[in-house]
């Protein structure tokens, strides 16, 4: 009696198996990327909420918003300055208002967002601008004209077509929430959309 040799996979069957595995790997990878991005969006929202609370406390104590000449670096310094920093002598200052971890700040003192690539990243940072002169007709800020803008530029680190931060209403492909949250008469607050290159922004009254 002649024994039959065990049959192996044909080339076509192997190609089908490889194709199925490739599709499954692609689906898993895409879902993982989406889940990771959602987690980072949530992390950014939470961090912005903490910043907004700290900014409001600073304003209540000092009568004005934290300086913004160096963006989020100025904000960080105002909220959590070094022990001998003269900003501690600002009339009414009772901070620190929020302490920052080393991995939340880049080498220039700017606040890093969740998409950052390390200490030398100056692209994935929070943008901060405030109404320091109590005049809503002067800039900055661009969006929340009577208060302040604080936002992350999202995964791609870009806020608009010309790379300028929010200098045109169309920048960032953001969607408006349709509400005048800070009562300045302008419907301009922004929200984040995963399917667009958008801002992640809000003002103190909208969290």
N, C-alpha and C. Protein backbone atom coordinates (compact mmCIF):
# COMPACT_ATOMS: atom_id res chain seq x y z
N UNK A 1 0.86 -1.19 0.00
CA UNK A 1 0.00 0.00 0.00
C UNK A 1 0.89 1.24 0.00
N UNK A 2 0.62 2.13 -0.91
CA UNK A 2 1.43 3.36 -1.04
C UNK A 2 0.83 4.46 -0.19
N UNK A 3 1.68 5.02 0.69
CA UNK A 3 1.20 6.12 1.54
C UNK A 3 1.16 7.42 0.73
N UNK A 4 0.06 8.19 0.95
CA UNK A 4 -0.06 9.47 0.27
C UNK A 4 0.77 10.52 1.01
N UNK A 5 1.49 11.29 0.24
CA UNK A 5 2.25 12.39 0.85
C UNK A 5 1.30 13.48 1.32
N UNK A 6 1.56 14.01 2.53
CA UNK A 6 0.68 15.09 3.01
C UNK A 6 0.73 16.28 2.07
N UNK A 7 -0.46 16.80 1.79
CA UNK A 7 -0.56 17.94 0.87
C UNK A 7 -0.22 19.24 1.60
N UNK A 8 0.59 20.11 0.98
CA UNK A 8 0.88 21.43 1.53
C UNK A 8 -0.04 22.47 0.92
N UNK A 9 0.18 23.73 1.32
CA UNK A 9 -0.62 24.81 0.77
C UNK A 9 -0.17 25.10 -0.66
N UNK A 10 -1.13 25.38 -1.49
CA UNK A 10 -0.78 25.82 -2.84
C UNK A 10 -0.35 27.29 -2.78
N UNK A 11 0.27 27.75 -3.84
CA UNK A 11 0.72 29.14 -3.90
C UNK A 11 -0.46 30.09 -3.77
N UNK A 12 -1.57 29.74 -4.40
CA UNK A 12 -2.77 30.60 -4.33
C UNK A 12 -3.28 30.70 -2.90
N UNK A 13 -3.29 29.54 -2.21
CA UNK A 13 -3.77 29.54 -0.82
C UNK A 13 -2.85 30.39 0.08
N UNK A 14 -1.55 30.26 -0.15
CA UNK A 14 -0.61 31.06 0.64
C UNK A 14 -0.80 32.55 0.39
N UNK A 15 -1.04 32.91 -0.87
CA UNK A 15 -1.26 34.31 -1.20
C UNK A 15 -2.52 34.85 -0.53
N UNK A 16 -3.55 34.01 -0.48
CA UNK A 16 -4.80 34.42 0.18
C UNK A 16 -4.57 34.64 1.68
N UNK A 17 -3.83 33.72 2.32
CA UNK A 17 -3.53 33.85 3.75
C UNK A 17 -2.74 35.12 4.03
N UNK A 18 -1.71 35.37 3.19
CA UNK A 18 -0.89 36.57 3.36
C UNK A 18 -1.74 37.83 3.18
N UNK A 19 -2.63 37.81 2.19
CA UNK A 19 -3.49 38.97 1.94
C UNK A 19 -4.41 39.23 3.12
N UNK A 20 -5.00 38.17 3.66
CA UNK A 20 -5.90 38.31 4.82
C UNK A 20 -5.13 38.88 6.02
N UNK A 21 -3.92 38.35 6.25
CA UNK A 21 -3.10 38.84 7.36
C UNK A 21 -2.74 40.31 7.17
N UNK A 22 -2.45 40.71 5.93
CA UNK A 22 -2.10 42.10 5.63
C UNK A 22 -3.30 43.02 5.92
N UNK A 23 -4.49 42.60 5.49
CA UNK A 23 -5.70 43.39 5.73
C UNK A 23 -5.96 43.53 7.22
N UNK A 24 -5.85 42.41 7.95
CA UNK A 24 -6.07 42.45 9.40
C UNK A 24 -5.05 43.37 10.09
N UNK A 25 -3.79 43.27 9.68
CA UNK A 25 -2.75 44.12 10.27
C UNK A 25 -3.02 45.59 9.99
N UNK A 26 -3.49 45.90 8.77
CA UNK A 26 -3.80 47.28 8.41
C UNK A 26 -4.95 47.82 9.25
N UNK A 27 -6.00 47.02 9.39
CA UNK A 27 -7.17 47.43 10.18
C UNK A 27 -6.78 47.67 11.64
N UNK A 28 -6.01 46.74 12.19
CA UNK A 28 -5.57 46.88 13.58
C UNK A 28 -4.71 48.12 13.76
N UNK A 29 -3.80 48.36 12.82
CA UNK A 29 -2.92 49.53 12.90
C UNK A 29 -3.71 50.82 12.83
N UNK A 30 -4.67 50.90 11.89
CA UNK A 30 -5.49 52.10 11.75
C UNK A 30 -6.31 52.36 13.00
N UNK A 31 -6.89 51.30 13.57
CA UNK A 31 -7.68 51.45 14.80
C UNK A 31 -6.81 51.89 15.96
N UNK A 32 -5.57 51.37 16.01
CA UNK A 32 -4.65 51.75 17.07
C UNK A 32 -4.26 53.23 16.95
N UNK A 33 -4.01 53.67 15.71
CA UNK A 33 -3.66 55.08 15.49
C UNK A 33 -4.82 55.99 15.89
N UNK A 34 -6.05 55.61 15.51
CA UNK A 34 -7.23 56.41 15.86
C UNK A 34 -7.42 56.46 17.37
N UNK A 35 -7.25 55.31 18.02
CA UNK A 35 -7.41 55.26 19.48
C UNK A 35 -6.35 56.11 20.18
N UNK A 36 -5.11 56.03 19.67
CA UNK A 36 -4.03 56.84 20.24
C UNK A 36 -4.30 58.32 20.07
N UNK A 37 -4.79 58.71 18.89
CA UNK A 37 -5.09 60.11 18.63
C UNK A 37 -6.23 60.60 19.52
N UNK A 38 -7.26 59.76 19.71
CA UNK A 38 -8.37 60.14 20.59
C UNK A 38 -7.87 60.34 22.02
N UNK A 39 -6.97 59.48 22.45
CA UNK A 39 -6.41 59.60 23.80
C UNK A 39 -5.64 60.91 23.94
N UNK A 40 -4.89 61.28 22.90
CA UNK A 40 -4.12 62.52 22.95
C UNK A 40 -5.02 63.74 22.90
N UNK A 41 -6.10 63.67 22.14
CA UNK A 41 -7.08 64.76 22.12
C UNK A 41 -7.67 64.96 23.52
N UNK A 42 -8.03 63.85 24.15
CA UNK A 42 -8.57 63.90 25.51
C UNK A 42 -7.55 64.48 26.48
N UNK A 43 -6.29 64.07 26.33
CA UNK A 43 -5.22 64.58 27.19
C UNK A 43 -5.05 66.09 27.00
N UNK A 44 -5.10 66.54 25.74
CA UNK A 44 -4.96 67.97 25.46
C UNK A 44 -6.13 68.75 26.04
N UNK A 45 -7.33 68.24 25.89
CA UNK A 45 -8.51 68.92 26.45
C UNK A 45 -8.37 69.08 27.98
N UNK A 46 -7.94 68.00 28.62
CA UNK A 46 -7.79 68.04 30.08
C UNK A 46 -6.74 69.07 30.48
N UNK A 47 -5.62 69.09 29.76
CA UNK A 47 -4.54 70.02 30.08
C UNK A 47 -4.98 71.46 29.85
N UNK A 48 -5.69 71.71 28.75
CA UNK A 48 -6.20 73.05 28.48
C UNK A 48 -7.16 73.49 29.58
N UNK A 49 -7.99 72.55 30.05
CA UNK A 49 -8.89 72.87 31.15
C UNK A 49 -8.14 73.31 32.40
N UNK A 50 -7.04 72.62 32.71
CA UNK A 50 -6.22 72.99 33.86
C UNK A 50 -5.60 74.37 33.66
N UNK A 51 -5.11 74.62 32.44
CA UNK A 51 -4.52 75.92 32.14
C UNK A 51 -5.54 77.04 32.30
N UNK A 52 -6.74 76.80 31.81
CA UNK A 52 -7.77 77.83 31.88
C UNK A 52 -8.13 78.17 33.32
N UNK A 53 -8.21 77.15 34.17
CA UNK A 53 -8.50 77.39 35.58
C UNK A 53 -7.37 78.20 36.21
N UNK A 54 -6.13 77.83 35.92
CA UNK A 54 -4.98 78.55 36.46
C UNK A 54 -4.93 79.99 35.96
N UNK A 55 -5.25 80.18 34.68
CA UNK A 55 -5.28 81.54 34.11
C UNK A 55 -6.33 82.39 34.79
N UNK A 56 -7.50 81.81 35.04
CA UNK A 56 -8.58 82.56 35.69
C UNK A 56 -8.20 82.95 37.12
N UNK A 57 -7.50 82.05 37.82
CA UNK A 57 -7.05 82.36 39.19
C UNK A 57 -6.01 83.48 39.17
N UNK A 58 -5.10 83.42 38.21
CA UNK A 58 -4.09 84.47 38.06
C UNK A 58 -4.76 85.81 37.81
N UNK A 59 -5.75 85.83 36.93
CA UNK A 59 -6.43 87.09 36.61
C UNK A 59 -7.21 87.63 37.81
N UNK A 60 -7.85 86.74 38.57
CA UNK A 60 -8.58 87.18 39.76
C UNK A 60 -7.65 87.84 40.76
N UNK A 61 -6.44 87.28 40.89
CA UNK A 61 -5.48 87.81 41.87
C UNK A 61 -4.79 89.08 41.40
N UNK A 62 -4.42 89.12 40.13
CA UNK A 62 -3.59 90.24 39.65
C UNK A 62 -4.37 91.30 38.86
N UNK A 63 -5.56 90.93 38.40
CA UNK A 63 -6.36 91.88 37.64
C UNK A 63 -6.12 91.86 36.15
N UNK A 64 -5.21 91.01 35.68
CA UNK A 64 -4.95 90.91 34.24
C UNK A 64 -4.55 89.48 33.90
N UNK A 65 -4.57 89.17 32.61
CA UNK A 65 -4.17 87.85 32.18
C UNK A 65 -2.64 87.73 32.21
N UNK A 66 -2.12 86.50 32.29
CA UNK A 66 -0.66 86.32 32.24
C UNK A 66 -0.09 86.89 30.94
N UNK A 67 1.15 87.38 30.97
CA UNK A 67 1.79 87.92 29.77
C UNK A 67 1.81 86.89 28.64
N UNK A 68 1.87 87.38 27.39
CA UNK A 68 1.87 86.46 26.26
C UNK A 68 2.94 86.78 25.22
N UNK A 69 3.92 87.63 25.59
CA UNK A 69 4.90 88.04 24.58
C UNK A 69 5.71 86.87 24.02
N UNK A 70 5.87 85.80 24.80
CA UNK A 70 6.56 84.60 24.32
C UNK A 70 5.62 83.41 24.32
N UNK A 71 4.35 83.68 24.10
CA UNK A 71 3.36 82.61 24.01
C UNK A 71 3.25 81.79 25.27
N UNK A 72 3.24 80.46 25.10
CA UNK A 72 3.05 79.58 26.26
C UNK A 72 4.26 79.58 27.19
N UNK A 73 5.42 80.06 26.71
CA UNK A 73 6.58 80.18 27.59
C UNK A 73 6.32 81.26 28.63
N UNK A 74 5.71 82.37 28.21
CA UNK A 74 5.35 83.44 29.15
C UNK A 74 4.26 82.97 30.10
N UNK A 75 3.32 82.20 29.56
CA UNK A 75 2.24 81.66 30.40
C UNK A 75 2.81 80.74 31.47
N UNK A 76 3.68 79.82 31.07
CA UNK A 76 4.29 78.90 32.03
C UNK A 76 5.03 79.66 33.12
N UNK A 77 5.80 80.68 32.72
CA UNK A 77 6.58 81.45 33.69
C UNK A 77 5.66 82.18 34.68
N UNK A 78 4.54 82.71 34.19
CA UNK A 78 3.62 83.45 35.06
C UNK A 78 2.92 82.53 36.06
N UNK A 79 2.60 81.32 35.62
CA UNK A 79 1.86 80.40 36.48
C UNK A 79 2.77 79.63 37.44
N UNK A 80 4.00 79.34 36.99
CA UNK A 80 4.91 78.51 37.79
C UNK A 80 6.36 79.01 37.64
N UNK A 81 6.63 80.21 38.17
CA UNK A 81 7.97 80.79 38.00
C UNK A 81 9.01 80.16 38.94
N UNK A 82 10.28 80.38 38.60
CA UNK A 82 11.35 79.97 39.49
C UNK A 82 11.25 80.76 40.80
N UNK A 83 11.91 80.26 41.84
CA UNK A 83 11.77 80.87 43.17
C UNK A 83 12.20 82.34 43.21
N UNK A 84 13.22 82.70 42.43
CA UNK A 84 13.72 84.07 42.46
C UNK A 84 13.22 84.92 41.29
N UNK A 85 12.23 84.42 40.57
CA UNK A 85 11.71 85.16 39.42
C UNK A 85 10.95 86.41 39.90
N UNK A 86 11.27 87.59 39.34
CA UNK A 86 10.60 88.83 39.75
C UNK A 86 9.11 88.86 39.48
N UNK A 87 8.61 87.93 38.65
CA UNK A 87 7.17 87.92 38.38
C UNK A 87 6.38 87.58 39.65
N UNK A 88 7.07 86.97 40.62
CA UNK A 88 6.42 86.69 41.90
C UNK A 88 6.09 87.97 42.66
N UNK A 89 6.71 89.08 42.27
CA UNK A 89 6.45 90.35 42.92
C UNK A 89 5.31 91.13 42.28
N UNK A 90 4.67 90.52 41.27
CA UNK A 90 3.52 91.16 40.65
C UNK A 90 2.44 91.38 41.71
N UNK A 91 1.91 92.62 41.81
CA UNK A 91 0.88 92.89 42.83
C UNK A 91 -0.28 91.90 42.77
N UNK A 92 -0.57 91.26 43.90
CA UNK A 92 -1.67 90.31 43.98
C UNK A 92 -1.31 88.87 43.67
N UNK A 93 -0.10 88.63 43.13
CA UNK A 93 0.29 87.28 42.73
C UNK A 93 0.35 86.35 43.94
N UNK A 94 -0.34 85.20 43.86
CA UNK A 94 -0.40 84.25 44.97
C UNK A 94 -0.09 82.82 44.53
N UNK A 95 0.64 82.68 43.43
CA UNK A 95 0.94 81.35 42.87
C UNK A 95 1.94 80.57 43.70
N UNK A 96 2.47 79.50 43.14
CA UNK A 96 2.22 78.98 41.80
C UNK A 96 0.76 78.53 41.60
N UNK A 97 0.27 78.74 40.38
CA UNK A 97 -1.11 78.40 40.06
C UNK A 97 -1.24 77.02 39.43
N UNK A 98 -0.16 76.55 38.83
CA UNK A 98 -0.12 75.21 38.24
C UNK A 98 1.33 74.82 38.06
N UNK A 99 1.70 73.69 38.60
CA UNK A 99 3.08 73.23 38.47
C UNK A 99 3.22 72.32 37.26
N UNK A 100 4.30 72.51 36.52
CA UNK A 100 4.51 71.77 35.28
C UNK A 100 5.62 70.74 35.43
N UNK A 101 5.39 69.56 34.85
CA UNK A 101 6.40 68.50 34.84
C UNK A 101 7.44 68.81 33.78
N UNK A 102 8.61 68.21 33.94
CA UNK A 102 9.70 68.46 33.00
C UNK A 102 9.33 68.05 31.58
N UNK A 103 8.58 66.96 31.43
CA UNK A 103 8.23 66.50 30.08
C UNK A 103 7.08 67.27 29.45
N UNK A 104 6.56 68.28 30.15
CA UNK A 104 5.50 69.13 29.61
C UNK A 104 6.05 70.45 29.06
N UNK A 105 7.36 70.64 29.18
CA UNK A 105 8.00 71.90 28.78
C UNK A 105 9.18 71.60 27.86
N UNK A 106 9.29 72.36 26.76
CA UNK A 106 10.42 72.14 25.86
C UNK A 106 11.64 72.96 26.30
N UNK A 107 12.70 72.90 25.52
CA UNK A 107 13.95 73.56 25.90
C UNK A 107 13.85 75.09 25.89
N UNK A 108 12.80 75.62 25.27
CA UNK A 108 12.58 77.08 25.22
C UNK A 108 11.57 77.53 26.27
N UNK A 109 11.12 76.60 27.10
CA UNK A 109 10.17 76.94 28.15
C UNK A 109 8.72 76.93 27.70
N UNK A 110 8.47 76.51 26.45
CA UNK A 110 7.11 76.47 25.93
C UNK A 110 6.42 75.18 26.37
N UNK A 111 5.10 75.22 26.46
CA UNK A 111 4.34 74.06 26.90
C UNK A 111 4.09 73.11 25.74
N UNK A 112 4.50 71.87 25.91
CA UNK A 112 4.37 70.85 24.86
C UNK A 112 2.99 70.21 24.88
N UNK A 113 2.43 69.96 23.69
CA UNK A 113 1.15 69.25 23.61
C UNK A 113 1.42 67.75 23.49
N UNK A 114 0.37 66.92 23.53
CA UNK A 114 0.57 65.46 23.55
C UNK A 114 1.23 64.88 22.30
N UNK A 115 1.28 65.63 21.20
CA UNK A 115 1.88 65.11 19.96
C UNK A 115 3.37 65.46 19.85
N UNK A 116 3.95 65.99 20.89
CA UNK A 116 5.33 66.47 20.82
C UNK A 116 6.33 65.34 20.58
N UNK A 117 7.47 65.74 20.01
CA UNK A 117 8.54 64.78 19.69
C UNK A 117 9.74 64.92 20.63
N UNK A 118 9.56 65.62 21.75
CA UNK A 118 10.67 65.75 22.69
C UNK A 118 10.98 67.18 23.05
N UNK A 119 12.03 67.36 23.81
CA UNK A 119 12.39 68.67 24.39
C UNK A 119 12.71 69.74 23.35
N UNK A 120 13.14 69.35 22.16
CA UNK A 120 13.51 70.33 21.14
C UNK A 120 12.38 70.64 20.16
N UNK A 121 11.22 70.05 20.40
CA UNK A 121 10.07 70.26 19.50
C UNK A 121 9.44 71.63 19.77
N UNK A 122 9.40 72.48 18.75
CA UNK A 122 8.76 73.79 18.87
C UNK A 122 7.53 73.87 17.96
N UNK A 123 7.16 72.74 17.42
CA UNK A 123 6.01 72.67 16.52
C UNK A 123 4.75 72.24 17.26
N UNK A 124 4.90 71.23 18.10
CA UNK A 124 3.75 70.70 18.84
C UNK A 124 3.70 71.32 20.24
N UNK A 125 3.32 72.58 20.27
CA UNK A 125 3.22 73.32 21.53
C UNK A 125 1.85 73.98 21.64
N UNK A 126 1.48 74.35 22.84
CA UNK A 126 0.25 75.10 23.04
C UNK A 126 0.48 76.56 22.67
N UNK A 127 -0.51 77.13 22.02
CA UNK A 127 -0.45 78.54 21.63
C UNK A 127 -1.27 79.35 22.65
N UNK A 128 -0.69 80.44 23.13
CA UNK A 128 -1.38 81.27 24.12
C UNK A 128 -1.31 82.74 23.71
N UNK A 129 -2.47 83.39 23.69
CA UNK A 129 -2.56 84.82 23.43
C UNK A 129 -3.67 85.38 24.31
N UNK A 130 -3.47 86.57 24.83
CA UNK A 130 -4.43 87.12 25.79
C UNK A 130 -4.76 88.58 25.50
N UNK A 131 -5.94 88.98 25.97
CA UNK A 131 -6.36 90.38 25.88
C UNK A 131 -5.78 91.11 27.09
N UNK A 132 -4.57 91.61 26.94
CA UNK A 132 -3.86 92.21 28.07
C UNK A 132 -4.23 93.67 28.32
N UNK A 133 -4.75 94.35 27.28
CA UNK A 133 -5.08 95.77 27.45
C UNK A 133 -6.58 96.00 27.62
N UNK A 134 -7.34 94.91 27.79
CA UNK A 134 -8.79 95.00 27.96
C UNK A 134 -9.47 95.73 26.81
N UNK A 135 -8.90 95.62 25.63
CA UNK A 135 -9.48 96.24 24.44
C UNK A 135 -9.71 95.16 23.40
N UNK A 136 -10.96 94.80 23.16
CA UNK A 136 -11.28 93.70 22.26
C UNK A 136 -11.04 94.05 20.79
N UNK A 137 -10.74 95.32 20.51
CA UNK A 137 -10.50 95.73 19.12
C UNK A 137 -9.03 95.64 18.73
N UNK A 138 -8.18 95.32 19.68
CA UNK A 138 -6.76 95.14 19.38
C UNK A 138 -6.41 93.66 19.47
N UNK A 139 -5.39 93.25 18.73
CA UNK A 139 -4.96 91.84 18.74
C UNK A 139 -3.63 91.73 19.45
N UNK A 140 -3.30 90.57 20.03
CA UNK A 140 -4.13 89.38 20.15
C UNK A 140 -5.15 89.53 21.28
N UNK A 141 -6.02 88.54 21.51
CA UNK A 141 -6.16 87.27 20.80
C UNK A 141 -7.02 87.40 19.54
N UNK A 142 -6.97 86.37 18.72
CA UNK A 142 -7.69 86.42 17.45
C UNK A 142 -9.11 85.91 17.59
N UNK A 143 -9.32 84.89 18.42
CA UNK A 143 -10.63 84.24 18.48
C UNK A 143 -11.47 84.74 19.67
N UNK A 144 -11.01 84.51 20.88
CA UNK A 144 -11.74 84.96 22.07
C UNK A 144 -11.28 86.38 22.40
N UNK A 145 -11.83 87.35 21.73
CA UNK A 145 -11.26 88.70 21.70
C UNK A 145 -11.25 89.40 23.06
N UNK A 146 -12.18 89.05 23.94
CA UNK A 146 -12.22 89.72 25.24
C UNK A 146 -11.59 88.90 26.35
N UNK A 147 -10.98 87.77 25.99
CA UNK A 147 -10.35 86.96 27.03
C UNK A 147 -8.99 86.44 26.54
N UNK A 148 -8.93 85.19 26.13
CA UNK A 148 -7.65 84.64 25.70
C UNK A 148 -7.86 83.44 24.79
N UNK A 149 -6.86 83.14 23.99
CA UNK A 149 -6.82 81.92 23.17
C UNK A 149 -5.80 80.98 23.79
N UNK A 150 -6.18 79.72 23.96
CA UNK A 150 -5.23 78.70 24.36
C UNK A 150 -5.60 77.43 23.61
N UNK A 151 -4.70 76.96 22.76
CA UNK A 151 -5.04 75.81 21.96
C UNK A 151 -3.79 75.04 21.52
N UNK A 152 -4.05 73.79 21.11
CA UNK A 152 -3.03 72.96 20.48
C UNK A 152 -3.33 72.95 18.98
N UNK A 153 -2.29 72.91 18.17
CA UNK A 153 -2.50 72.86 16.73
C UNK A 153 -2.73 71.45 16.22
N UNK A 154 -2.80 70.48 17.12
CA UNK A 154 -3.17 69.13 16.74
C UNK A 154 -2.02 68.28 16.21
N UNK A 155 -2.36 67.12 15.64
CA UNK A 155 -1.34 66.14 15.23
C UNK A 155 -0.32 66.66 14.23
N UNK A 156 -0.76 67.50 13.27
CA UNK A 156 0.18 67.93 12.25
C UNK A 156 0.95 69.19 12.63
N UNK A 157 0.62 69.78 13.77
CA UNK A 157 1.34 70.96 14.23
C UNK A 157 1.14 72.19 13.36
N UNK A 158 0.07 72.21 12.57
CA UNK A 158 -0.20 73.35 11.69
C UNK A 158 -1.55 73.95 12.04
N UNK A 159 -1.64 75.28 11.95
CA UNK A 159 -2.91 75.93 12.25
C UNK A 159 -3.60 76.50 11.03
N UNK A 160 -2.94 76.52 9.90
CA UNK A 160 -3.57 77.06 8.71
C UNK A 160 -2.72 76.91 7.48
N UNK A 161 -3.24 77.37 6.36
CA UNK A 161 -2.58 77.18 5.07
C UNK A 161 -1.23 77.90 5.00
N UNK A 162 -1.13 79.07 5.64
CA UNK A 162 0.11 79.83 5.54
C UNK A 162 1.01 79.66 6.74
N UNK A 163 0.67 78.69 7.61
CA UNK A 163 1.47 78.37 8.79
C UNK A 163 1.41 79.44 9.87
N UNK A 164 0.63 80.51 9.66
CA UNK A 164 0.46 81.53 10.69
C UNK A 164 -0.66 81.09 11.63
N UNK A 165 -0.46 81.33 12.91
CA UNK A 165 -1.43 80.86 13.90
C UNK A 165 -2.72 81.67 13.87
N UNK A 166 -3.74 81.07 13.28
CA UNK A 166 -5.08 81.63 13.37
C UNK A 166 -5.22 83.05 12.88
N UNK A 167 -4.61 83.40 11.75
CA UNK A 167 -4.73 84.77 11.28
C UNK A 167 -5.87 84.95 10.29
N UNK A 168 -6.54 83.86 9.95
CA UNK A 168 -7.71 83.93 9.08
C UNK A 168 -8.79 83.00 9.62
N UNK A 169 -10.08 83.37 9.47
CA UNK A 169 -11.15 82.51 9.98
C UNK A 169 -11.13 81.10 9.40
N UNK A 170 -10.60 80.96 8.16
CA UNK A 170 -10.59 79.65 7.51
C UNK A 170 -9.45 78.76 8.00
N UNK A 171 -8.49 79.31 8.70
CA UNK A 171 -7.32 78.54 9.10
C UNK A 171 -7.69 77.31 9.93
N UNK A 172 -7.02 76.22 9.62
CA UNK A 172 -7.16 75.03 10.45
C UNK A 172 -8.34 74.15 10.14
N UNK A 173 -9.22 74.58 9.22
CA UNK A 173 -10.42 73.81 8.92
C UNK A 173 -11.21 73.48 10.19
N UNK A 174 -11.27 74.43 11.09
CA UNK A 174 -11.99 74.17 12.34
C UNK A 174 -13.49 74.31 12.14
N UNK A 175 -14.24 73.74 13.05
CA UNK A 175 -15.69 73.94 13.03
C UNK A 175 -16.08 74.77 14.25
N UNK A 176 -16.96 75.72 14.05
CA UNK A 176 -17.41 76.56 15.15
C UNK A 176 -18.53 75.84 15.90
N UNK A 177 -18.61 76.10 17.20
CA UNK A 177 -19.66 75.43 17.96
C UNK A 177 -20.99 76.19 17.92
N UNK A 178 -21.01 77.34 17.26
CA UNK A 178 -22.25 78.08 17.08
C UNK A 178 -22.72 78.84 18.29
N UNK A 179 -21.86 79.00 19.29
CA UNK A 179 -22.25 79.69 20.52
C UNK A 179 -21.27 80.82 20.84
N UNK A 180 -21.78 81.85 21.49
CA UNK A 180 -20.93 82.94 21.97
C UNK A 180 -20.60 82.64 23.43
N UNK A 181 -19.64 81.77 23.65
CA UNK A 181 -19.38 81.25 24.99
C UNK A 181 -18.84 82.28 25.97
N UNK A 182 -17.99 83.20 25.50
CA UNK A 182 -17.42 84.15 26.45
C UNK A 182 -18.14 85.48 26.45
N UNK A 183 -19.29 85.55 25.77
CA UNK A 183 -20.13 86.74 25.86
C UNK A 183 -19.56 87.98 25.21
N UNK A 184 -18.68 87.81 24.23
CA UNK A 184 -18.09 88.99 23.61
C UNK A 184 -18.82 89.41 22.34
N UNK A 185 -19.99 88.78 22.08
CA UNK A 185 -20.78 89.14 20.92
C UNK A 185 -20.32 88.51 19.63
N UNK A 186 -19.30 87.64 19.71
CA UNK A 186 -18.74 87.02 18.52
C UNK A 186 -18.79 85.50 18.66
N UNK A 187 -19.39 84.84 17.68
CA UNK A 187 -19.43 83.38 17.69
C UNK A 187 -18.14 82.88 17.07
N UNK A 188 -17.14 82.60 17.91
CA UNK A 188 -15.84 82.30 17.35
C UNK A 188 -15.07 81.21 18.08
N UNK A 189 -15.67 80.59 19.08
CA UNK A 189 -14.95 79.54 19.78
C UNK A 189 -14.76 78.34 18.88
N UNK A 190 -13.70 77.59 19.11
CA UNK A 190 -13.34 76.50 18.22
C UNK A 190 -13.43 75.15 18.91
N UNK A 191 -13.64 74.12 18.12
CA UNK A 191 -13.63 72.77 18.65
C UNK A 191 -12.78 71.89 17.74
N UNK A 192 -12.49 70.68 18.18
CA UNK A 192 -11.56 69.80 17.45
C UNK A 192 -12.33 68.77 16.65
N UNK A 193 -11.90 68.53 15.40
CA UNK A 193 -12.48 67.48 14.59
C UNK A 193 -11.37 66.52 14.17
N UNK A 194 -11.57 65.24 14.44
CA UNK A 194 -10.53 64.26 14.11
C UNK A 194 -10.33 64.11 12.61
N UNK A 195 -11.39 64.39 11.82
CA UNK A 195 -11.28 64.18 10.38
C UNK A 195 -10.71 65.40 9.66
N UNK A 196 -10.34 66.42 10.40
CA UNK A 196 -9.78 67.63 9.81
C UNK A 196 -8.49 68.01 10.52
N UNK A 197 -7.69 68.84 9.88
CA UNK A 197 -6.54 69.42 10.57
C UNK A 197 -7.06 70.64 11.32
N UNK A 198 -7.43 70.47 12.56
CA UNK A 198 -8.12 71.54 13.27
C UNK A 198 -7.41 72.01 14.51
N UNK A 199 -7.96 73.06 15.08
CA UNK A 199 -7.51 73.55 16.36
C UNK A 199 -8.14 72.72 17.48
N UNK A 200 -7.57 72.82 18.64
CA UNK A 200 -8.21 72.32 19.84
C UNK A 200 -8.18 73.49 20.80
N UNK A 201 -9.28 74.21 20.87
CA UNK A 201 -9.26 75.47 21.60
C UNK A 201 -10.58 75.68 22.33
N UNK A 202 -10.54 76.48 23.35
CA UNK A 202 -11.74 76.93 24.01
C UNK A 202 -11.39 78.07 24.95
N UNK A 203 -12.41 78.67 25.53
CA UNK A 203 -12.14 79.70 26.51
C UNK A 203 -12.67 79.24 27.86
N UNK A 204 -12.40 80.01 28.89
CA UNK A 204 -12.68 79.58 30.26
C UNK A 204 -14.15 79.26 30.51
N UNK A 205 -15.06 79.84 29.72
CA UNK A 205 -16.48 79.63 29.96
C UNK A 205 -17.05 78.42 29.25
N UNK A 206 -16.22 77.71 28.52
CA UNK A 206 -16.77 76.69 27.64
C UNK A 206 -16.33 75.28 27.99
N UNK A 207 -15.78 75.05 29.19
CA UNK A 207 -15.38 73.70 29.58
C UNK A 207 -16.28 73.16 30.67
